[in-house]
C-alpha cells in the first residue's frame, strides 16, 4: 500500500455493478472526468454500446486493479489506464491483463514502484548497455555484468519499496490467504526494482532502469529466478503468480461475485477456477462458465444485489434515455451517493457487498437522486413508476 499507510490483513473486495446492461455508462462520461482535462473521455461511446458485458468487465477489473486518481499525476493516466491496460484484456488471458497493469504508469506511481531500487546489499545492472542507453550508471561496472554491492555505508537516493509486491499478491492474484510469506513479498519487490516511469509528472510512459534493478538471485513461492536478469525478472514473477491455483480461485470468486451474487455458490466458483487452470487463464472461457451455469439463472441470484451508486446512476440515466454526458455532472451524482470514481484511496477498491451501500444516509441520498430525475418533464408515468420502484434499486 502506498507509503505511510498501514497494511492490515484484509479480504479482497470488488464493487458490484448494475446488471450487464446498466454498467455500459459506467465510466463513460464519468470516470475519465476525474482526470484532468489532459485526459479525453475514452468511454463516452460506451453509453450506447451493445457490448454491455464487456463494459461490466472493464469496470470490474478497473476496480480490482484499483488506483487513486487523487495521488500526484495518476489522474493524467486514468484514460490510458482503462483504454490500454484494462479494456483490451478483459476477455483475454489474465496474464496479459496482469502484465498490462504492471507496466501501467498509473499503477507504478500509485503504489510507488517507480521509485523502487535495489538496496545496498544487492548487485544492480548499473553499467550495462541498457543502463548506459538510459544515461545512468555510467562506468560503474563492466558491460553486461552486474556490479558489486555498494559498501554498507554508501547512500542511494531510493530503496526497496514493497507496496506493489504486497498488493500484487494480496489483492490482485493470490489473495490474503494465498500461501505467500513476507519473504515472498520482499523477493517480488526485488524482482520489480527498476520498473519505472519516464518523466512521470509530465505523463511519460513505462521505462526499465537497469541501474535501479536488483540483479541478484531471487526465490518466489519456491521457484528460483536466476541472478543477472533485468526486466524479465518481473515478467517471470507475473508468470508464476498467474498460474497459481490460489490466483485461479481469486479470479473465479471475483467474477462470480460480480455476475452472480455477493456470496456465490461454491459450485460456480469451483467450476470457474477449474476452467481458469485448464485454459491458462482465459477470461472469456471463465466468464462463459459462469454466465451459462445454473447459478447465474437461479431464482436466488435474481435481484440479489443492491446497486452500487455507480450502478444506480448509470441504470437510471440509461432507463431515462439520457445520452452520454461529457461534463462532470454524472460523476458528481455518483460521488454524492458515496462512490467517487477513482476516489478510493486504498488499493482494495470499492466494496462489493450490497449492505455496504445501505446506510440510512445513503438510502436518503438515493431517494433524493431518483426524485430529482423523475421531476424532469420528459419522464413518463410508466418510467416514473419504474424508477421509483424498490426493484429498481436492485440488480
Protein backbone atom coordinates (compact mmCIF):
# COMPACT_ATOMS: atom_id res chain seq x y z
CA UNK A 1 0.00 0.00 0.00
CA UNK A 2 1.34 3.49 -0.69
CA UNK A 3 3.92 4.98 1.63
CA UNK A 4 2.65 5.91 5.06
CA UNK A 5 -0.40 3.61 5.04
CA UNK A 6 -0.71 0.63 7.30
CA UNK A 7 -1.32 -2.63 5.53
CA UNK A 8 -3.75 -4.66 7.65
CA UNK A 9 -4.73 -8.13 6.58
CA UNK A 10 -7.91 -7.80 4.62
CA UNK A 11 -10.12 -9.78 2.33
CA UNK A 12 -10.21 -8.85 -1.32
CA UNK A 13 -13.28 -6.99 -2.47
CA UNK A 14 -14.68 -5.72 -5.73
CA UNK A 15 -17.69 -3.49 -6.32
CA UNK A 16 -20.96 -4.78 -7.67
CA UNK A 17 -22.08 -3.29 -10.95
CA UNK A 18 -25.55 -2.97 -12.28
CA UNK A 19 -26.76 -5.76 -14.48
CA UNK A 20 -24.65 -6.06 -17.58
CA UNK A 21 -26.97 -3.56 -19.23
CA UNK A 22 -26.67 -0.69 -16.82
CA UNK A 23 -22.92 -0.75 -16.46
CA UNK A 24 -22.46 0.43 -20.00
CA UNK A 25 -22.28 4.08 -18.92
CA UNK A 26 -20.13 3.07 -16.04
CA UNK A 27 -17.08 5.12 -16.72
CA UNK A 28 -18.36 6.56 -19.93
CA UNK A 29 -18.84 10.21 -19.15
CA UNK A 30 -17.97 9.85 -15.52
CA UNK A 31 -14.78 8.17 -14.52
CA UNK A 32 -12.48 9.82 -17.06
CA UNK A 33 -13.69 13.21 -15.85
CA UNK A 34 -11.85 12.58 -12.59
CA UNK A 35 -8.76 13.02 -14.70
CA UNK A 36 -7.64 16.45 -15.69
CA UNK A 37 -8.64 17.95 -18.99
CA UNK A 38 -5.46 16.41 -20.36
CA UNK A 39 -7.31 13.10 -20.44
CA UNK A 40 -10.01 12.52 -23.00
CA UNK A 41 -13.26 10.79 -22.12
CA UNK A 42 -12.47 7.41 -23.67
CA UNK A 43 -15.67 5.67 -22.58
CA UNK A 44 -18.12 8.18 -23.89
CA UNK A 45 -19.04 5.81 -26.71
CA UNK A 46 -19.80 3.07 -24.20
CA UNK A 47 -23.05 4.78 -23.20
CA UNK A 48 -24.79 3.41 -26.27
CA UNK A 49 -22.64 0.32 -26.68
CA UNK A 50 -24.30 -3.04 -27.14
CA UNK A 51 -21.23 -4.76 -25.66
CA UNK A 52 -22.57 -4.40 -22.18
CA UNK A 53 -20.97 -7.47 -20.70
CA UNK A 54 -17.62 -6.07 -21.80
CA UNK A 55 -18.39 -2.77 -20.09
CA UNK A 56 -19.25 -4.62 -16.89
CA UNK A 57 -15.92 -6.45 -17.04
CA UNK A 58 -13.98 -3.25 -17.73
CA UNK A 59 -15.45 -1.74 -14.59
CA UNK A 60 -14.82 -4.90 -12.60
CA UNK A 61 -11.13 -5.14 -13.48
CA UNK A 62 -10.53 -1.40 -13.19
CA UNK A 63 -11.75 -1.71 -9.62
CA UNK A 64 -9.91 -4.96 -8.96
CA UNK A 65 -6.69 -3.19 -10.00
CA UNK A 66 -7.79 -0.01 -8.28
CA UNK A 67 -5.77 3.23 -8.46
CA UNK A 68 -6.46 6.55 -6.72
CA UNK A 69 -6.84 9.49 -9.07
CA UNK A 70 -6.05 11.97 -6.31
CA UNK A 71 -2.44 10.86 -5.90
CA UNK A 72 0.06 13.01 -7.77
CA UNK A 73 -0.08 12.66 -11.55
CA UNK A 74 -2.15 9.46 -11.52
CA UNK A 75 -5.09 11.49 -12.86
CA UNK A 76 -3.08 12.11 -16.05
CA UNK A 77 -3.01 8.40 -16.73
CA UNK A 78 -6.59 7.34 -15.97
CA UNK A 79 -7.89 7.31 -19.54
CA UNK A 80 -4.80 5.49 -20.75
CA UNK A 81 -5.04 3.05 -17.85
CA UNK A 82 -8.56 1.92 -18.73
CA UNK A 83 -8.25 2.02 -22.51
CA UNK A 84 -4.82 0.43 -22.82
CA UNK A 85 -4.19 -1.62 -19.69
CA UNK A 86 -7.72 -2.82 -18.83
CA UNK A 87 -10.14 -2.74 -21.76
CA UNK A 88 -8.18 -4.76 -24.36
CA UNK A 89 -7.69 -7.68 -21.96
CA UNK A 90 -10.98 -8.23 -20.12
CA UNK A 91 -11.86 -11.17 -22.36
CA UNK A 92 -8.28 -12.26 -22.99
CA UNK A 93 -5.69 -14.05 -20.90
CA UNK A 94 -5.41 -12.98 -17.27
CA UNK A 95 -1.63 -12.99 -17.60
CA UNK A 96 -1.85 -10.35 -20.33
CA UNK A 97 -4.14 -8.21 -18.20
CA UNK A 98 -1.79 -8.56 -15.26
CA UNK A 99 1.20 -7.60 -17.37
CA UNK A 100 -0.52 -4.54 -18.81
CA UNK A 101 -1.43 -3.33 -15.32
CA UNK A 102 2.09 -3.96 -14.03
CA UNK A 103 3.55 -1.80 -16.84
CA UNK A 104 0.97 0.96 -16.41
CA UNK A 105 2.33 4.31 -15.19
CA UNK A 106 -0.90 4.79 -13.21
CA UNK A 107 -0.22 1.69 -11.11
CA UNK A 108 3.55 2.22 -10.96
CA UNK A 109 3.06 5.70 -9.50
CA UNK A 110 0.10 4.85 -7.27
CA UNK A 111 1.92 2.04 -5.47
CA UNK A 112 5.31 3.80 -5.60
CA UNK A 113 7.12 1.13 -7.58
CA UNK A 114 8.50 3.72 -9.98
CA UNK A 115 10.97 4.72 -7.25
CA UNK A 116 11.82 1.23 -6.01
CA UNK A 117 15.52 0.37 -6.21
CA UNK A 118 17.87 -2.38 -5.08
CA UNK A 119 19.25 -1.90 -1.59
CA UNK A 120 22.95 -1.56 -0.89
CA UNK A 121 23.36 -5.29 -0.16
CA UNK A 122 22.49 -6.49 -3.66
CA UNK A 123 24.06 -6.04 -7.11
CA UNK A 124 22.40 -3.99 -9.82
CA UNK A 125 22.73 -3.78 -13.59
CA UNK A 126 24.38 -0.35 -13.47
CA UNK A 127 26.97 -0.06 -16.22
CA UNK A 128 25.26 -2.46 -18.59
CA UNK A 129 24.36 -1.47 -22.14
CA UNK A 130 20.78 -0.81 -21.09
CA UNK A 131 21.85 1.42 -18.23
CA UNK A 132 24.19 3.41 -20.46
CA UNK A 133 21.48 3.93 -23.06
CA UNK A 134 19.29 5.34 -20.30
CA UNK A 135 22.08 7.67 -19.26
CA UNK A 136 22.53 6.12 -15.82
CA UNK A 137 25.16 4.06 -14.10
CA UNK A 138 28.00 5.03 -16.45
CA UNK A 139 31.33 3.43 -15.74
CA UNK A 140 30.17 1.56 -12.65
CA UNK A 141 30.68 -1.95 -13.94
CA UNK A 142 31.84 -3.86 -16.99
CA UNK A 143 29.38 -4.17 -19.85
CA UNK A 144 26.71 -6.79 -19.33
CA UNK A 145 27.87 -7.69 -15.81
CA UNK A 146 26.07 -6.85 -12.55
CA UNK A 147 28.12 -4.51 -10.43
CA UNK A 148 29.15 -5.44 -6.93
CA UNK A 149 27.10 -4.29 -3.95
CA UNK A 150 27.97 -0.90 -2.56
CA UNK A 151 29.66 -0.70 0.83
CA UNK A 152 27.24 -0.74 3.73
CA UNK A 153 27.78 2.95 4.40
CA UNK A 154 27.05 4.08 0.84
CA UNK A 155 23.85 6.03 0.27
CA UNK A 156 21.32 5.76 -2.51
CA UNK A 157 18.52 8.17 -3.31
CA UNK A 158 15.87 5.45 -3.04
CA UNK A 159 15.39 1.99 -1.60
CA UNK A 160 13.28 -1.12 -1.97
CA UNK A 161 9.53 -0.46 -1.90
CA UNK A 162 7.19 -3.37 -1.14
CA UNK A 163 3.84 -1.71 -1.87
CA UNK A 164 3.28 -3.11 -5.37
CA UNK A 165 4.64 -6.54 -4.45
CA UNK A 166 2.31 -6.87 -1.47
CA UNK A 167 -0.82 -5.70 -3.24
CA UNK A 168 0.02 -7.73 -6.34
CA UNK A 169 -0.17 -10.90 -4.26
CA UNK A 170 -2.74 -9.97 -1.62
CA UNK A 171 -5.31 -8.15 -3.75
CA UNK A 172 -4.60 -8.89 -7.40
CA UNK A 173 -3.65 -12.57 -7.56
CA UNK A 174 -3.22 -14.99 -4.64
CA UNK A 175 -5.41 -13.38 -2.00
CA UNK A 176 -4.62 -12.73 1.64
CA UNK A 177 -4.68 -16.47 2.39
CA UNK A 178 -2.90 -17.43 -0.80
CA UNK A 179 0.11 -19.09 0.82
CA UNK A 180 2.79 -16.42 0.37
CA UNK A 181 5.09 -15.11 3.10
CA UNK A 182 6.75 -11.82 3.92
CA UNK A 183 9.90 -13.26 2.36
CA UNK A 184 7.98 -13.70 -0.90
CA UNK A 185 6.86 -10.06 -0.71
CA UNK A 186 10.47 -8.92 -0.43
CA UNK A 187 11.63 -11.19 -3.25
CA UNK A 188 8.84 -10.00 -5.55
CA UNK A 189 9.66 -6.38 -4.70
CA UNK A 190 13.29 -7.07 -5.65
CA UNK A 191 12.18 -8.53 -8.97
CA UNK A 192 10.28 -5.33 -9.85
CA UNK A 193 13.04 -2.87 -8.97
CA UNK A 194 13.79 -0.68 -11.97
CA UNK A 195 10.23 -0.84 -13.33
CA UNK A 196 9.70 2.89 -13.53
CA UNK A 197 8.24 5.84 -15.42
CA UNK A 198 9.92 8.28 -17.77
CA UNK A 199 9.10 11.81 -16.54
CA UNK A 200 6.04 10.75 -14.50
CA UNK A 201 4.82 14.27 -13.77
CA UNK A 202 4.80 15.01 -17.48
CA UNK A 203 2.78 11.94 -18.45
CA UNK A 204 5.75 9.80 -19.50
CA UNK A 205 5.44 6.06 -20.17
CA UNK A 206 6.97 2.90 -18.76
CA UNK A 207 10.74 2.62 -18.65
CA UNK A 208 13.06 -0.02 -17.21
CA UNK A 209 16.03 1.42 -15.33
CA UNK A 210 18.85 -1.16 -15.09
CA UNK A 211 20.84 0.84 -12.56
CA UNK A 212 17.97 0.52 -10.06
CA UNK A 213 17.33 -3.18 -10.64
CA UNK A 214 18.33 -5.81 -8.10
CA UNK A 215 20.21 -8.32 -10.24
CA UNK A 216 20.68 -10.93 -7.51
CA UNK A 217 19.08 -14.37 -7.36
CA UNK A 218 15.50 -14.43 -6.12
CA UNK A 219 13.17 -17.10 -4.75
CA UNK A 220 9.41 -16.65 -5.21
CA UNK A 221 6.90 -19.24 -3.99
CA UNK A 222 9.56 -21.91 -4.09
CA UNK A 223 10.78 -21.07 -7.60
CA UNK A 224 14.20 -19.63 -8.37
CA UNK A 225 14.82 -16.61 -10.58
CA UNK A 226 18.46 -16.68 -11.63
CA UNK A 227 20.83 -13.80 -10.98
CA UNK A 228 21.73 -11.36 -13.73
CA UNK A 229 18.23 -10.82 -15.07
CA UNK A 230 16.62 -7.48 -15.78
CA UNK A 231 13.05 -6.55 -16.65
CA UNK A 232 12.38 -10.23 -17.27
CA UNK A 233 12.62 -10.90 -13.51
CA UNK A 234 9.31 -9.09 -13.05
CA UNK A 235 7.82 -10.89 -16.04
CA UNK A 236 8.84 -14.20 -14.51
CA UNK A 237 7.07 -13.27 -11.27
CA UNK A 238 3.90 -12.48 -13.20
CA UNK A 239 4.15 -15.86 -14.95
CA UNK A 240 4.43 -17.61 -11.60
CA UNK A 241 1.53 -15.76 -9.99
CA UNK A 242 -0.82 -16.03 -12.96
CA UNK A 243 -0.61 -19.84 -12.89
CA UNK A 244 -1.20 -20.42 -9.19
CA UNK A 245 -4.34 -22.30 -8.08
CA UNK A 246 -4.92 -19.55 -5.50
CA UNK A 247 -5.00 -16.99 -8.32
CA UNK A 248 -7.49 -19.12 -10.24
CA UNK A 249 -9.76 -19.12 -7.22
CA UNK A 250 -9.33 -15.39 -6.66
CA UNK A 251 -10.31 -14.63 -10.26
CA UNK A 252 -13.22 -17.08 -10.18
CA UNK A 253 -14.58 -15.60 -6.96
CA UNK A 254 -14.18 -12.03 -8.24
CA UNK A 255 -16.13 -12.76 -11.41
CA UNK A 256 -18.80 -14.88 -9.73
CA UNK A 257 -19.36 -12.25 -7.05
CA UNK A 258 -19.91 -9.63 -9.73
CA UNK A 259 -22.03 -11.74 -12.08
CA UNK A 260 -24.00 -13.97 -9.69
CA UNK A 261 -24.28 -12.79 -6.08
CA UNK A 262 -22.42 -11.36 -3.11
CA UNK A 263 -21.85 -14.88 -1.82
CA UNK A 264 -21.69 -17.04 -4.95
CA UNK A 265 -22.28 -20.78 -4.54
CA UNK A 266 -19.14 -22.87 -4.20
CA UNK A 267 -20.17 -24.82 -7.30
CA UNK A 268 -19.82 -21.84 -9.65
CA UNK A 269 -16.52 -20.73 -8.09
CA UNK A 270 -15.07 -24.25 -8.30
CA UNK A 271 -16.13 -24.63 -11.92
CA UNK A 272 -14.76 -21.24 -12.94
CA UNK A 273 -11.45 -21.84 -11.15
CA UNK A 274 -11.09 -25.19 -12.89
CA UNK A 275 -11.69 -23.55 -16.27
CA UNK A 276 -9.10 -20.89 -15.44
CA UNK A 277 -6.44 -23.53 -14.78
CA UNK A 278 -7.34 -25.67 -17.80
CA UNK A 279 -7.30 -22.72 -20.22
CA UNK A 280 -4.19 -20.97 -18.87
CA UNK A 281 -6.26 -18.12 -17.51
CA UNK A 282 -8.57 -17.48 -20.47
CA UNK A 283 -11.01 -14.95 -19.03
CA UNK A 284 -13.50 -15.37 -21.87
CA UNK A 285 -13.88 -19.04 -21.04
CA UNK A 286 -14.04 -18.38 -17.31
CA UNK A 287 -16.84 -15.84 -17.84
CA UNK A 288 -18.61 -18.29 -20.18
CA UNK A 289 -18.53 -20.98 -17.50
CA UNK A 290 -20.28 -18.58 -15.10
CA UNK A 291 -22.94 -16.99 -17.32
CA UNK A 292 -24.01 -20.32 -18.82
CA UNK A 293 -24.21 -22.10 -15.48
CA UNK A 294 -27.37 -22.82 -13.47
CA UNK A 295 -26.30 -20.49 -10.65
CA UNK A 296 -26.41 -17.48 -12.97
CA UNK A 297 -30.04 -18.23 -13.93
CA UNK A 298 -31.19 -19.26 -10.47
CA UNK A 299 -34.02 -17.54 -8.63
CA UNK A 300 -31.63 -16.88 -5.73
CA UNK A 301 -29.43 -14.73 -7.95
CA UNK A 302 -32.29 -12.60 -9.28
CA UNK A 303 -32.17 -9.10 -7.75
CA UNK A 304 -29.90 -10.46 -5.03
CA UNK A 305 -27.67 -7.39 -5.03
CA UNK A 306 -28.45 -3.75 -4.30
CA UNK A 307 -26.96 -1.45 -6.91
CA UNK A 308 -23.86 0.48 -6.04
CA UNK A 309 -24.02 4.28 -6.50
CA UNK A 310 -22.40 3.84 -9.89
CA UNK A 311 -24.93 1.21 -10.89
CA UNK A 312 -27.85 3.28 -9.74
CA UNK A 313 -26.86 6.42 -11.62
CA UNK A 314 -25.89 4.51 -14.75
CA UNK A 315 -29.06 2.45 -14.90
CA UNK A 316 -31.29 5.45 -14.16
CA UNK A 317 -29.72 7.55 -16.91
CA UNK A 318 -29.99 4.70 -19.38
CA UNK A 319 -33.59 3.99 -18.45
CA UNK A 320 -34.43 7.66 -18.90
CA UNK A 321 -32.73 7.77 -22.28
CA UNK A 322 -30.32 10.49 -21.20
CA UNK A 323 -27.32 10.49 -23.58
CA UNK A 324 -23.64 10.43 -22.69
CA UNK A 325 -22.64 13.45 -20.64
CA UNK A 326 -19.16 14.82 -21.25
CA UNK A 327 -19.46 17.12 -18.23
CA UNK A 328 -18.72 16.04 -14.65
CA UNK A 329 -22.40 16.02 -13.66
CA UNK A 330 -22.85 12.25 -13.66
CA UNK A 331 -19.58 11.78 -11.80
CA UNK A 332 -20.70 14.28 -9.18
CA UNK A 333 -24.00 12.43 -8.76
CA UNK A 334 -22.16 9.14 -8.21
CA UNK A 335 -19.78 10.78 -5.75
CA UNK A 336 -22.67 12.29 -3.79
CA UNK A 337 -24.09 8.79 -3.39
CA UNK A 338 -20.79 7.65 -1.87
CA UNK A 339 -18.64 6.28 -4.70
CA UNK A 340 -16.41 8.99 -6.18
CA UNK A 341 -14.88 7.47 -9.28
CA UNK A 342 -11.19 6.72 -8.91
CA UNK A 343 -11.64 8.16 -5.46
CA UNK A 344 -10.89 5.10 -3.34
CA UNK A 345 -7.61 5.89 -1.61
CA UNK A 346 -6.68 2.36 -0.60
CA UNK A 347 -5.90 -0.29 -3.24
CA UNK A 348 -8.66 -2.71 -2.24
CA UNK A 349 -11.18 -0.81 -4.38
CA UNK A 350 -14.84 -0.06 -3.71
CA UNK A 351 -16.85 -2.59 -1.66
CA UNK A 352 -18.59 -5.48 -3.29
CA UNK A 353 -21.33 -6.22 -0.78
CA UNK A 354 -24.73 -4.58 -1.07
CA UNK A 355 -25.07 -3.86 2.64
CA UNK A 356 -22.11 -1.51 2.50
CA UNK A 357 -24.14 0.88 0.31
CA UNK A 358 -27.22 0.94 2.53
CA UNK A 359 -26.60 3.23 5.49
CA UNK A 360 -29.54 5.45 6.50
CA UNK A 361 -27.92 8.50 4.92
CA UNK A 362 -27.13 6.61 1.71
CA UNK A 363 -30.73 5.47 1.32
CA UNK A 364 -31.95 9.06 1.70
CA UNK A 365 -29.47 10.24 -0.94
CA UNK A 366 -30.70 7.54 -3.32
CA UNK A 367 -34.32 8.60 -2.85
CA UNK A 368 -33.37 12.23 -3.48
CA UNK A 369 -31.47 11.34 -6.65
CA UNK A 370 -34.42 9.44 -8.10
CA UNK A 371 -36.80 12.23 -7.10
CA UNK A 372 -34.63 14.76 -8.91
CA UNK A 373 -34.52 12.57 -12.01
CA UNK A 374 -38.25 11.85 -12.23
CA UNK A 375 -39.02 15.57 -11.91
CA UNK A 376 -37.71 16.06 -15.44
CA UNK A 377 -40.56 16.87 -17.85
CA UNK A 378 -39.70 14.09 -20.32
CA UNK A 379 -40.16 11.33 -17.70
CA UNK A 380 -43.38 9.45 -18.43
CA UNK A 381 -45.66 8.00 -15.77
CA UNK A 382 -44.60 4.45 -16.57
CA UNK A 383 -40.92 5.38 -16.39
CA UNK A 384 -41.50 7.20 -13.10
CA UNK A 385 -43.12 4.06 -11.72
CA UNK A 386 -40.13 2.01 -12.80
CA UNK A 387 -37.52 4.37 -11.35
CA UNK A 388 -39.35 4.74 -8.02
CA UNK A 389 -39.94 1.01 -7.55
CA UNK A 390 -37.90 -0.87 -4.91
CA UNK A 391 -36.83 -3.37 -7.58
CA UNK A 392 -35.02 -0.63 -9.48
CA UNK A 393 -32.57 -0.35 -6.60
CA UNK A 394 -31.56 -3.97 -7.14
CA UNK A 395 -29.94 -5.90 -9.93
